[in-house]
Amino acid sequence: MVAWRENEGKSKNFLNTVLVGSMSLAYNRELKMPILEGQSLDFQSHSPEQTNRIGVRLGELLDLSDLVCLAGDLGSGKTTLAKGIARGWGSLDVVTSPSFILVNQYRRPDQQILYHVDAFRMEGVEDAYLIGLHELIEDKAPILLEWPERIAAMLPSERLWVTLRWVDELHRGLQIEAHGLRYERMLDQFRRSAFGG
């Protein structure tokens, strides 16, 4: 499959989609890597299992106090990605969407906690404060946050922002944006572990 994407006036032939292992990604033939524009990486997953594996790669890189924001429409794969991130981080707990309870906690064998927050039902920043999200952020535990755009005003400026897009029944587009030096390094490590280079 070849998918073309315009790149700031360059020929449509400059970028195309290739298969690397079992992962298809936008590819720059001259630089031989996925599209990495500034501090973002844009690629495509071909199945829920692949989205989960992408999450595992991200989860392996999580440190204390990391904030990973998962944005996208309903059904775009946020919870599937979150399951992979939690598994890669080392959680042995079953990962479920926290839509109705707002916050889930997952533990590793070393008793570290990963918080999984769903802001879908929050009306705004006030609701996030009411559930104590600011305290979780200050707690220095890693946080996965679904629907971050609903409470973006209260979030730290430094974070990893992952936008998932529904392409078709199996395929999802992912764009990962790094905000801050820690996340720029994390994105670079992810790119190397997932795509080589």
C-alpha atoms as a PDB file:
ATOM      1  CA  MET A   1       0.000   0.000   0.000  1.00  0.00           C
ATOM      2  CA  VAL A   2       1.262   3.475  -0.810  1.00  0.00           C
ATOM      3  CA  ALA A   3      -0.216   6.556   0.840  1.00  0.00           C
ATOM      4  CA  TRP A   4       0.902   9.983  -0.301  1.00  0.00           C
ATOM      5  CA  ARG A   5       1.129  13.051   1.879  1.00  0.00           C
ATOM      6  CA  GLU A   6       1.998  16.607   0.921  1.00  0.00           C
ATOM      7  CA  ASN A   7       5.105  17.957   2.669  1.00  0.00           C
ATOM      8  CA  GLU A   8       5.417  21.750   2.515  1.00  0.00           C
ATOM      9  CA  GLY A   9       5.367  22.081  -1.249  1.00  0.00           C
ATOM     10  CA  LYS A  10       7.548  19.062  -1.988  1.00  0.00           C
ATOM     11  CA  SER A  11       6.516  16.489  -4.532  1.00  0.00           C
ATOM     12  CA  LYS A  12       3.950  13.907  -3.480  1.00  0.00           C
ATOM     13  CA  ASN A  13       6.611  11.329  -4.278  1.00  0.00           C
ATOM     14  CA  PHE A  14       8.843  12.627  -1.486  1.00  0.00           C
ATOM     15  CA  LEU A  15       6.902  10.714   1.198  1.00  0.00           C
ATOM     16  CA  ASN A  16       5.206   7.361   1.051  1.00  0.00           C
ATOM     17  CA  THR A  17       4.079   4.559   3.327  1.00  0.00           C
ATOM     18  CA  VAL A  18       6.211   1.476   3.756  1.00  0.00           C
ATOM     19  CA  LEU A  19       6.086  -1.640   5.894  1.00  0.00           C
ATOM     20  CA  VAL A  20       8.743  -1.915   8.623  1.00  0.00           C
ATOM     21  CA  GLY A  21       8.453  -5.269  10.374  1.00  0.00           C
ATOM     22  CA  SER A  22       4.716  -5.453  10.857  1.00  0.00           C
ATOM     23  CA  MET A  23       4.301  -1.682  11.175  1.00  0.00           C
ATOM     24  CA  SER A  24       3.372   0.596   8.312  1.00  0.00           C
ATOM     25  CA  LEU A  25       4.554   4.152   8.610  1.00  0.00           C
ATOM     26  CA  ALA A  26       4.987   7.294   6.621  1.00  0.00           C
ATOM     27  CA  TYR A  27       8.531   7.222   5.366  1.00  0.00           C
ATOM     28  CA  ASN A  28      10.952   9.813   4.055  1.00  0.00           C
ATOM     29  CA  ARG A  29      13.042   8.093   1.377  1.00  0.00           C
ATOM     30  CA  GLU A  30      15.908  10.568   1.709  1.00  0.00           C
ATOM     31  CA  LEU A  31      16.243  10.277   5.495  1.00  0.00           C
ATOM     32  CA  LYS A  32      15.017   6.657   5.734  1.00  0.00           C
ATOM     33  CA  MET A  33      12.744   7.163   8.766  1.00  0.00           C
ATOM     34  CA  PRO A  34       9.109   7.799   9.752  1.00  0.00           C
ATOM     35  CA  ILE A  35       7.860  11.334   9.441  1.00  0.00           C
ATOM     36  CA  LEU A  36       9.431  13.233  12.305  1.00  0.00           C
ATOM     37  CA  GLU A  37       8.480  16.872  11.966  1.00  0.00           C
ATOM     38  CA  GLY A  38       9.908  19.041  14.711  1.00  0.00           C
ATOM     39  CA  GLN A  39       9.016  17.190  17.880  1.00  0.00           C
ATOM     40  CA  SER A  40       6.341  14.887  16.467  1.00  0.00           C
ATOM     41  CA  LEU A  41       6.138  11.471  14.878  1.00  0.00           C
ATOM     42  CA  ASP A  42       3.292  10.474  12.558  1.00  0.00           C
ATOM     43  CA  PHE A  43       2.593   6.852  11.528  1.00  0.00           C
ATOM     44  CA  GLN A  44      -0.153   4.257  11.155  1.00  0.00           C
ATOM     45  CA  SER A  45      -1.077   1.065  13.004  1.00  0.00           C
ATOM     46  CA  HIS A  46      -2.698  -1.779  11.054  1.00  0.00           C
ATOM     47  CA  SER A  47      -4.499  -3.637  13.862  1.00  0.00           C
ATOM     48  CA  PRO A  48      -5.537  -3.403  17.519  1.00  0.00           C
ATOM     49  CA  GLU A  49      -2.702  -5.818  18.336  1.00  0.00           C
ATOM     50  CA  GLN A  50      -0.213  -3.494  16.673  1.00  0.00           C
ATOM     51  CA  THR A  51      -1.643  -0.486  18.538  1.00  0.00           C
ATOM     52  CA  ASN A  52      -1.165  -2.470  21.749  1.00  0.00           C
ATOM     53  CA  ARG A  53       2.461  -3.274  20.817  1.00  0.00           C
ATOM     54  CA  ILE A  54       3.104   0.416  20.122  1.00  0.00           C
ATOM     55  CA  GLY A  55       1.784   1.084  23.616  1.00  0.00           C
ATOM     56  CA  VAL A  56       4.139  -1.516  25.083  1.00  0.00           C
ATOM     57  CA  ARG A  57       7.094   0.308  23.476  1.00  0.00           C
ATOM     58  CA  LEU A  58       5.931   3.605  24.972  1.00  0.00           C
ATOM     59  CA  GLY A  59       5.262   2.046  28.378  1.00  0.00           C
ATOM     60  CA  GLU A  60       8.783   0.652  28.557  1.00  0.00           C
ATOM     61  CA  LEU A  61      10.023   4.267  28.482  1.00  0.00           C
ATOM     62  CA  LEU A  62       7.794   5.697  31.240  1.00  0.00           C
ATOM     63  CA  ASP A  63       9.457   7.353  34.213  1.00  0.00           C
ATOM     64  CA  LEU A  64       8.020   8.708  37.432  1.00  0.00           C
ATOM     65  CA  SER A  65       5.940  11.851  36.890  1.00  0.00           C
ATOM     66  CA  ASP A  66       5.498  11.282  33.130  1.00  0.00           C
ATOM     67  CA  LEU A  67       2.222  12.526  31.683  1.00  0.00           C
ATOM     68  CA  VAL A  68       0.992  10.797  28.529  1.00  0.00           C
ATOM     69  CA  CYS A  69      -2.111  12.406  27.015  1.00  0.00           C
ATOM     70  CA  LEU A  70      -4.237  10.204  24.741  1.00  0.00           C
ATOM     71  CA  ALA A  71      -6.508  12.254  22.483  1.00  0.00           C
ATOM     72  CA  GLY A  72      -8.896  11.054  19.788  1.00  0.00           C
ATOM     73  CA  ASP A  73     -12.530  10.371  19.031  1.00  0.00           C
ATOM     74  CA  LEU A  74     -14.532   7.500  20.498  1.00  0.00           C
ATOM     75  CA  GLY A  75     -13.270   4.221  19.046  1.00  0.00           C
ATOM     76  CA  SER A  76      -9.930   5.634  17.916  1.00  0.00           C
ATOM     77  CA  GLY A  77      -7.913   3.206  20.056  1.00  0.00           C
ATOM     78  CA  LYS A  78      -7.036   5.205  23.185  1.00  0.00           C
ATOM     79  CA  THR A  79      -7.828   2.405  25.630  1.00  0.00           C
ATOM     80  CA  THR A  80      -6.126  -0.196  23.433  1.00  0.00           C
ATOM     81  CA  LEU A  81      -2.983   1.953  23.434  1.00  0.00           C
ATOM     82  CA  ALA A  82      -3.331   2.502  27.208  1.00  0.00           C
ATOM     83  CA  LYS A  83      -3.445  -1.287  27.755  1.00  0.00           C
ATOM     84  CA  GLY A  84      -0.152  -1.633  25.909  1.00  0.00           C
ATOM     85  CA  ILE A  85       1.441   1.267  27.783  1.00  0.00           C
ATOM     86  CA  ALA A  86       0.463  -0.248  31.146  1.00  0.00           C
ATOM     87  CA  ARG A  87       1.810  -3.655  30.091  1.00  0.00           C
ATOM     88  CA  GLY A  88       5.087  -2.138  28.880  1.00  0.00           C
ATOM     89  CA  TRP A  89       5.387  -0.199  32.146  1.00  0.00           C
ATOM     90  CA  GLY A  90       5.130  -3.506  34.009  1.00  0.00           C
ATOM     91  CA  SER A  91       1.580  -3.586  35.346  1.00  0.00           C
ATOM     92  CA  LEU A  92       0.149  -7.007  36.037  1.00  0.00           C
ATOM     93  CA  ASP A  93      -3.349  -5.576  36.602  1.00  0.00           C
ATOM     94  CA  VAL A  94      -6.154  -5.841  34.084  1.00  0.00           C
ATOM     95  CA  VAL A  95      -6.457  -2.521  32.252  1.00  0.00           C
ATOM     96  CA  THR A  96      -9.961  -1.196  31.648  1.00  0.00           C
ATOM     97  CA  SER A  97     -11.329   2.128  30.545  1.00  0.00           C
ATOM     98  CA  PRO A  98     -11.946   4.384  33.558  1.00  0.00           C
ATOM     99  CA  SER A  99     -14.883   6.116  31.807  1.00  0.00           C
ATOM    100  CA  PHE A 100     -17.350   5.645  34.654  1.00  0.00           C
ATOM    101  CA  ILE A 101     -15.015   5.758  37.664  1.00  0.00           C
ATOM    102  CA  LEU A 102     -12.670   8.414  36.154  1.00  0.00           C
ATOM    103  CA  VAL A 103      -9.402   7.064  37.640  1.00  0.00           C
ATOM    104  CA  ASN A 104      -7.900   3.558  37.631  1.00  0.00           C
ATOM    105  CA  GLN A 105      -4.698   2.557  39.376  1.00  0.00           C
ATOM    106  CA  TYR A 106      -2.369  -0.140  38.113  1.00  0.00           C
ATOM    107  CA  ARG A 107       0.463  -1.556  40.222  1.00  0.00           C
ATOM    108  CA  ARG A 108       3.759  -3.119  39.327  1.00  0.00           C
ATOM    109  CA  PRO A 109       5.367  -5.833  41.475  1.00  0.00           C
ATOM    110  CA  ASP A 110       7.577  -3.087  43.014  1.00  0.00           C
ATOM    111  CA  GLN A 111       4.348  -1.347  44.196  1.00  0.00           C
ATOM    112  CA  GLN A 112       4.793   1.672  41.881  1.00  0.00           C
ATOM    113  CA  ILE A 113       1.454   3.074  40.700  1.00  0.00           C
ATOM    114  CA  LEU A 114       0.392   4.123  37.198  1.00  0.00           C
ATOM    115  CA  TYR A 115      -2.755   6.279  37.092  1.00  0.00           C
ATOM    116  CA  HIS A 116      -5.180   6.009  34.175  1.00  0.00           C
ATOM    117  CA  VAL A 117      -7.560   8.966  34.036  1.00  0.00           C
ATOM    118  CA  ASP A 118     -10.509   9.480  31.692  1.00  0.00           C
ATOM    119  CA  ALA A 119     -11.670  13.090  31.352  1.00  0.00           C
ATOM    120  CA  PHE A 120     -14.536  12.317  28.933  1.00  0.00           C
ATOM    121  CA  ARG A 121     -17.225  12.980  31.541  1.00  0.00           C
ATOM    122  CA  MET A 122     -15.507  16.069  32.950  1.00  0.00           C
ATOM    123  CA  GLU A 123     -17.060  19.406  32.092  1.00  0.00           C
ATOM    124  CA  GLY A 124     -13.773  21.243  32.550  1.00  0.00           C
ATOM    125  CA  VAL A 125     -10.862  22.021  34.826  1.00  0.00           C
ATOM    126  CA  GLU A 126     -13.099  22.364  37.916  1.00  0.00           C
ATOM    127  CA  ASP A 127     -14.118  18.699  37.645  1.00  0.00           C
ATOM    128  CA  ALA A 128     -10.484  17.662  37.299  1.00  0.00           C
ATOM    129  CA  TYR A 129      -9.658  19.531  40.507  1.00  0.00           C
ATOM    130  CA  LEU A 130     -12.620  17.917  42.282  1.00  0.00           C
ATOM    131  CA  ILE A 131     -11.285  14.412  41.581  1.00  0.00           C
ATOM    132  CA  GLY A 132      -7.794  15.499  42.672  1.00  0.00           C
ATOM    133  CA  LEU A 133      -6.010  15.299  39.314  1.00  0.00           C
ATOM    134  CA  HIS A 134      -3.675  18.133  40.339  1.00  0.00           C
ATOM    135  CA  GLU A 135      -2.622  15.988  43.332  1.00  0.00           C
ATOM    136  CA  LEU A 136      -1.972  12.988  41.081  1.00  0.00           C
ATOM    137  CA  ILE A 137       0.221  15.172  38.865  1.00  0.00           C
ATOM    138  CA  GLU A 138       2.139  16.385  41.928  1.00  0.00           C
ATOM    139  CA  ASP A 139       2.379  12.788  43.243  1.00  0.00           C
ATOM    140  CA  LYS A 140       5.162  12.074  40.732  1.00  0.00           C
ATOM    141  CA  ALA A 141       3.550   8.852  39.496  1.00  0.00           C
ATOM    142  CA  PRO A 142       3.122   8.334  35.752  1.00  0.00           C
ATOM    143  CA  ILE A 143      -0.312   9.263  34.386  1.00  0.00           C
ATOM    144  CA  LEU A 144      -2.193   8.171  31.268  1.00  0.00           C
ATOM    145  CA  LEU A 145      -4.882  10.741  30.504  1.00  0.00           C
ATOM    146  CA  GLU A 146      -7.654  10.042  27.992  1.00  0.00           C
ATOM    147  CA  TRP A 147      -9.588  13.041  26.599  1.00  0.00           C
ATOM    148  CA  PRO A 148      -6.939  15.558  27.758  1.00  0.00           C
ATOM    149  CA  GLU A 149      -8.316  18.314  25.543  1.00  0.00           C
ATOM    150  CA  ARG A 150     -11.254  18.669  27.967  1.00  0.00           C
ATOM    151  CA  ILE A 151      -8.923  19.826  30.756  1.00  0.00           C
ATOM    152  CA  ALA A 152      -5.893  21.074  28.821  1.00  0.00           C
ATOM    153  CA  ALA A 153      -5.823  24.380  30.718  1.00  0.00           C
ATOM    154  CA  MET A 154      -4.680  22.656  33.928  1.00  0.00           C
ATOM    155  CA  LEU A 155      -2.072  20.350  32.408  1.00  0.00           C
ATOM    156  CA  PRO A 156       1.667  20.957  32.690  1.00  0.00           C
ATOM    157  CA  SER A 157       3.202  22.350  29.508  1.00  0.00           C
ATOM    158  CA  GLU A 158       5.664  19.449  29.437  1.00  0.00           C
ATOM    159  CA  ARG A 159       3.960  16.226  28.362  1.00  0.00           C
ATOM    160  CA  LEU A 160       3.678  13.603  25.655  1.00  0.00           C
ATOM    161  CA  TRP A 161       0.554  14.106  23.529  1.00  0.00           C
ATOM    162  CA  VAL A 162      -0.657  11.162  21.431  1.00  0.00           C
ATOM    163  CA  THR A 163      -3.481  11.774  18.966  1.00  0.00           C
ATOM    164  CA  LEU A 164      -5.194   8.689  17.546  1.00  0.00           C
ATOM    165  CA  ARG A 165      -7.283   8.832  14.373  1.00  0.00           C
ATOM    166  CA  TRP A 166      -9.764   6.225  13.142  1.00  0.00           C
ATOM    167  CA  VAL A 167      -8.764   5.343   9.567  1.00  0.00           C
ATOM    168  CA  ASP A 168     -10.906   2.243   9.015  1.00  0.00           C
ATOM    169  CA  GLU A 169     -12.040  -0.826  10.951  1.00  0.00           C
ATOM    170  CA  LEU A 170      -8.470  -1.994  11.653  1.00  0.00           C
ATOM    171  CA  HIS A 171      -6.186   0.952  10.910  1.00  0.00           C
ATOM    172  CA  ARG A 172      -5.429   3.855  13.227  1.00  0.00           C
ATOM    173  CA  GLY A 173      -3.294   6.896  12.579  1.00  0.00           C
ATOM    174  CA  LEU A 174      -1.084   8.020  15.451  1.00  0.00           C
ATOM    175  CA  GLN A 175       0.713  11.294  15.956  1.00  0.00           C
ATOM    176  CA  ILE A 176       2.999  11.597  18.956  1.00  0.00           C
ATOM    177  CA  GLU A 177       4.025  15.116  19.992  1.00  0.00           C
ATOM    178  CA  ALA A 178       6.758  15.803  22.536  1.00  0.00           C
ATOM    179  CA  HIS A 179       6.443  18.915  24.673  1.00  0.00           C
ATOM    180  CA  GLY A 180       9.591  19.470  26.726  1.00  0.00           C
ATOM    181  CA  LEU A 181      13.103  18.057  26.732  1.00  0.00           C
ATOM    182  CA  ARG A 182      12.221  14.904  28.715  1.00  0.00           C
ATOM    183  CA  TYR A 183       9.532  14.025  26.177  1.00  0.00           C
ATOM    184  CA  GLU A 184      11.708  14.899  23.187  1.00  0.00           C
ATOM    185  CA  ARG A 185      14.201  12.322  24.461  1.00  0.00           C
ATOM    186  CA  MET A 186      11.405   9.846  25.093  1.00  0.00           C
ATOM    187  CA  LEU A 187      10.063  10.316  21.564  1.00  0.00           C
ATOM    188  CA  ASP A 188      13.527   9.795  20.108  1.00  0.00           C
ATOM    189  CA  GLN A 189      13.974   6.599  22.162  1.00  0.00           C
ATOM    190  CA  PHE A 190      10.545   5.390  21.045  1.00  0.00           C
ATOM    191  CA  ARG A 191      11.314   6.090  17.381  1.00  0.00           C
ATOM    192  CA  ARG A 192      14.571   4.147  17.647  1.00  0.00           C
ATOM    193  CA  SER A 193      13.043   1.180  19.467  1.00  0.00           C
ATOM    194  CA  ALA A 194       9.960   0.956  17.237  1.00  0.00           C
ATOM    195  CA  PHE A 195      11.470   1.807  13.851  1.00  0.00           C
ATOM    196  CA  GLY A 196      15.239   1.463  14.218  1.00  0.00           C
ATOM    197  CA  GLY A 197      17.824   4.051  13.307  1.00  0.00           C
END
